[in-house]
Amino acid sequence: MAGLKYYERTKLLIELIEKKKTGGPSKLAKKLQVHKRTVYRILDDLRLSSSHEIIYCKDSDSYIFFRKKNK
């Protein structure tokens, strides 16, 4: 996975979120082979472009998609 491009990292992150296998930010950074700060940047980009919220679930030790409430 060395040298993954931004798109590939984002795609992998989405797959990991769907499977609820991201782990915490540090573990996720290792899986994506990036710094922890980059994980937060990718998550922020996904949050802006997604119709779902992305939250961290302590019970499953993973980021998960959570349906946004209509306002």
N, C-alpha and C. Protein backbone atom coordinates (compact mmCIF):
# COMPACT_ATOMS: atom_id res chain seq x y z
N MET A 1 0.81 -1.19 0.00
CA MET A 1 0.00 0.00 0.00
C MET A 1 0.86 1.26 0.00
N ALA A 2 2.13 1.12 -0.13
CA ALA A 2 3.00 2.29 -0.09
C ALA A 2 2.66 3.25 -1.22
N GLY A 3 2.66 4.51 -0.89
CA GLY A 3 2.45 5.54 -1.90
C GLY A 3 1.02 5.63 -2.42
N LEU A 4 0.05 5.32 -1.61
CA LEU A 4 -1.33 5.44 -2.06
C LEU A 4 -1.67 6.89 -2.36
N LYS A 5 -2.38 7.11 -3.41
CA LYS A 5 -2.85 8.44 -3.76
C LYS A 5 -4.04 8.80 -2.89
N TYR A 6 -4.35 10.08 -2.84
CA TYR A 6 -5.43 10.58 -2.00
C TYR A 6 -6.74 9.85 -2.29
N TYR A 7 -7.08 9.69 -3.56
CA TYR A 7 -8.32 9.01 -3.94
C TYR A 7 -8.34 7.57 -3.42
N GLU A 8 -7.24 6.88 -3.58
CA GLU A 8 -7.16 5.49 -3.13
C GLU A 8 -7.29 5.39 -1.62
N ARG A 9 -6.66 6.33 -0.91
CA ARG A 9 -6.79 6.35 0.56
C ARG A 9 -8.23 6.60 0.97
N THR A 10 -8.86 7.54 0.28
CA THR A 10 -10.25 7.87 0.60
C THR A 10 -11.16 6.68 0.34
N LYS A 11 -10.93 6.02 -0.78
CA LYS A 11 -11.73 4.83 -1.12
C LYS A 11 -11.54 3.73 -0.08
N LEU A 12 -10.29 3.51 0.32
CA LEU A 12 -10.00 2.51 1.35
C LEU A 12 -10.65 2.89 2.67
N LEU A 13 -10.59 4.16 3.02
CA LEU A 13 -11.21 4.62 4.26
C LEU A 13 -12.71 4.36 4.26
N ILE A 14 -13.37 4.64 3.15
CA ILE A 14 -14.81 4.39 3.04
C ILE A 14 -15.10 2.90 3.24
N GLU A 15 -14.30 2.05 2.62
CA GLU A 15 -14.50 0.60 2.77
C GLU A 15 -14.32 0.18 4.23
N LEU A 16 -13.31 0.72 4.89
CA LEU A 16 -13.07 0.37 6.29
C LEU A 16 -14.20 0.87 7.18
N ILE A 17 -14.72 2.06 6.88
CA ILE A 17 -15.85 2.59 7.66
C ILE A 17 -17.07 1.70 7.47
N GLU A 18 -17.35 1.31 6.25
CA GLU A 18 -18.51 0.45 5.97
C GLU A 18 -18.40 -0.89 6.70
N LYS A 19 -17.18 -1.41 6.82
CA LYS A 19 -16.96 -2.68 7.50
C LYS A 19 -16.78 -2.51 9.01
N LYS A 20 -16.75 -1.26 9.46
CA LYS A 20 -16.51 -0.92 10.88
C LYS A 20 -15.19 -1.52 11.37
N LYS A 21 -14.14 -1.30 10.57
CA LYS A 21 -12.83 -1.85 10.90
C LYS A 21 -11.73 -0.80 10.79
N THR A 22 -12.05 0.45 11.19
CA THR A 22 -11.04 1.49 11.06
C THR A 22 -10.08 1.50 12.25
N GLY A 23 -10.56 1.16 13.43
CA GLY A 23 -9.76 1.35 14.62
C GLY A 23 -9.75 2.83 14.97
N GLY A 24 -8.96 3.20 15.93
CA GLY A 24 -8.83 4.60 16.31
C GLY A 24 -7.99 5.37 15.30
N PRO A 25 -7.85 6.67 15.52
CA PRO A 25 -7.09 7.50 14.58
C PRO A 25 -5.65 7.02 14.34
N SER A 26 -4.97 6.58 15.38
CA SER A 26 -3.58 6.12 15.22
C SER A 26 -3.51 4.83 14.40
N LYS A 27 -4.40 3.88 14.71
CA LYS A 27 -4.44 2.63 13.94
C LYS A 27 -4.81 2.89 12.49
N LEU A 28 -5.76 3.78 12.31
CA LEU A 28 -6.20 4.11 10.96
C LEU A 28 -5.08 4.76 10.16
N ALA A 29 -4.33 5.62 10.80
CA ALA A 29 -3.19 6.26 10.13
C ALA A 29 -2.18 5.22 9.66
N LYS A 30 -1.95 4.20 10.48
CA LYS A 30 -1.03 3.13 10.08
C LYS A 30 -1.59 2.33 8.91
N LYS A 31 -2.90 2.05 8.93
CA LYS A 31 -3.51 1.30 7.84
C LYS A 31 -3.42 2.06 6.52
N LEU A 32 -3.59 3.38 6.59
CA LEU A 32 -3.55 4.20 5.39
C LEU A 32 -2.14 4.68 5.06
N GLN A 33 -1.22 4.41 5.94
CA GLN A 33 0.19 4.81 5.80
C GLN A 33 0.33 6.32 5.63
N VAL A 34 -0.33 7.04 6.55
CA VAL A 34 -0.27 8.50 6.57
C VAL A 34 -0.12 8.96 8.02
N HIS A 35 0.07 10.27 8.20
CA HIS A 35 0.09 10.82 9.54
C HIS A 35 -1.34 10.92 10.06
N LYS A 36 -1.46 10.95 11.37
CA LYS A 36 -2.78 11.04 12.00
C LYS A 36 -3.52 12.30 11.53
N ARG A 37 -2.80 13.40 11.36
CA ARG A 37 -3.43 14.64 10.91
C ARG A 37 -4.07 14.46 9.52
N THR A 38 -3.44 13.68 8.67
CA THR A 38 -3.99 13.41 7.33
C THR A 38 -5.29 12.63 7.43
N VAL A 39 -5.38 11.73 8.40
CA VAL A 39 -6.62 10.99 8.63
C VAL A 39 -7.75 11.97 8.93
N TYR A 40 -7.47 12.94 9.80
CA TYR A 40 -8.49 13.93 10.15
C TYR A 40 -8.89 14.78 8.93
N ARG A 41 -7.93 15.10 8.07
CA ARG A 41 -8.24 15.87 6.86
C ARG A 41 -9.15 15.08 5.92
N ILE A 42 -8.83 13.81 5.73
CA ILE A 42 -9.65 12.98 4.85
C ILE A 42 -11.06 12.82 5.43
N LEU A 43 -11.15 12.61 6.73
CA LEU A 43 -12.46 12.50 7.38
C LEU A 43 -13.26 13.79 7.22
N ASP A 44 -12.61 14.92 7.38
CA ASP A 44 -13.29 16.21 7.20
C ASP A 44 -13.82 16.36 5.78
N ASP A 45 -13.01 15.97 4.79
CA ASP A 45 -13.46 16.03 3.40
C ASP A 45 -14.66 15.12 3.16
N LEU A 46 -14.62 13.93 3.73
CA LEU A 46 -15.75 13.00 3.58
C LEU A 46 -17.00 13.55 4.25
N ARG A 47 -16.83 14.15 5.40
CA ARG A 47 -17.98 14.72 6.11
C ARG A 47 -18.66 15.81 5.30
N LEU A 48 -17.86 16.61 4.59
CA LEU A 48 -18.42 17.69 3.78
C LEU A 48 -19.15 17.17 2.54
N SER A 49 -18.69 16.05 2.00
CA SER A 49 -19.26 15.56 0.75
C SER A 49 -20.28 14.43 0.93
N SER A 50 -20.46 13.96 2.15
CA SER A 50 -21.33 12.81 2.38
C SER A 50 -22.70 13.23 2.89
N SER A 51 -23.68 12.40 2.61
CA SER A 51 -25.02 12.64 3.14
C SER A 51 -25.17 12.03 4.53
N HIS A 52 -24.10 11.39 5.00
CA HIS A 52 -24.08 10.79 6.33
C HIS A 52 -23.03 11.48 7.19
N GLU A 53 -23.27 11.47 8.48
CA GLU A 53 -22.25 11.92 9.41
C GLU A 53 -21.25 10.78 9.59
N ILE A 54 -20.05 11.13 9.93
CA ILE A 54 -19.04 10.12 10.25
C ILE A 54 -18.63 10.38 11.69
N ILE A 55 -18.91 9.39 12.54
CA ILE A 55 -18.61 9.54 13.96
C ILE A 55 -17.75 8.38 14.43
N TYR A 56 -17.08 8.57 15.54
CA TYR A 56 -16.28 7.49 16.11
C TYR A 56 -17.14 6.77 17.14
N CYS A 57 -17.23 5.45 17.04
CA CYS A 57 -18.01 4.63 17.96
C CYS A 57 -17.04 3.87 18.87
N LYS A 58 -17.07 4.18 20.15
CA LYS A 58 -16.17 3.51 21.09
C LYS A 58 -16.48 2.02 21.21
N ASP A 59 -17.75 1.67 21.12
CA ASP A 59 -18.15 0.26 21.26
C ASP A 59 -17.54 -0.62 20.18
N SER A 60 -17.54 -0.13 18.94
CA SER A 60 -16.99 -0.93 17.85
C SER A 60 -15.54 -0.55 17.53
N ASP A 61 -14.99 0.43 18.25
CA ASP A 61 -13.63 0.92 18.04
C ASP A 61 -13.41 1.22 16.56
N SER A 62 -14.35 1.99 15.99
CA SER A 62 -14.29 2.29 14.57
C SER A 62 -15.09 3.56 14.28
N TYR A 63 -14.69 4.23 13.19
CA TYR A 63 -15.54 5.29 12.66
C TYR A 63 -16.69 4.61 11.94
N ILE A 64 -17.87 5.23 12.01
CA ILE A 64 -19.05 4.66 11.37
C ILE A 64 -19.83 5.77 10.66
N PHE A 65 -20.62 5.36 9.66
CA PHE A 65 -21.54 6.29 9.02
C PHE A 65 -22.80 6.37 9.87
N PHE A 66 -23.27 7.58 10.10
CA PHE A 66 -24.46 7.81 10.91
C PHE A 66 -25.35 8.75 10.11
N ARG A 67 -26.61 8.34 9.90
CA ARG A 67 -27.51 9.15 9.07
C ARG A 67 -27.79 10.49 9.71
N LYS A 68 -27.60 11.55 8.90
CA LYS A 68 -27.87 12.91 9.38
C LYS A 68 -29.36 13.09 9.57
N LYS A 69 -29.72 13.84 10.59
CA LYS A 69 -31.12 14.14 10.82
C LYS A 69 -31.52 15.31 9.94
N ASN A 70 -32.75 15.23 9.41
CA ASN A 70 -33.26 16.34 8.59
C ASN A 70 -33.60 17.50 9.48
N LYS A 71 -33.23 18.69 9.02
CA LYS A 71 -33.51 19.89 9.81
C LYS A 71 -34.69 20.64 9.24
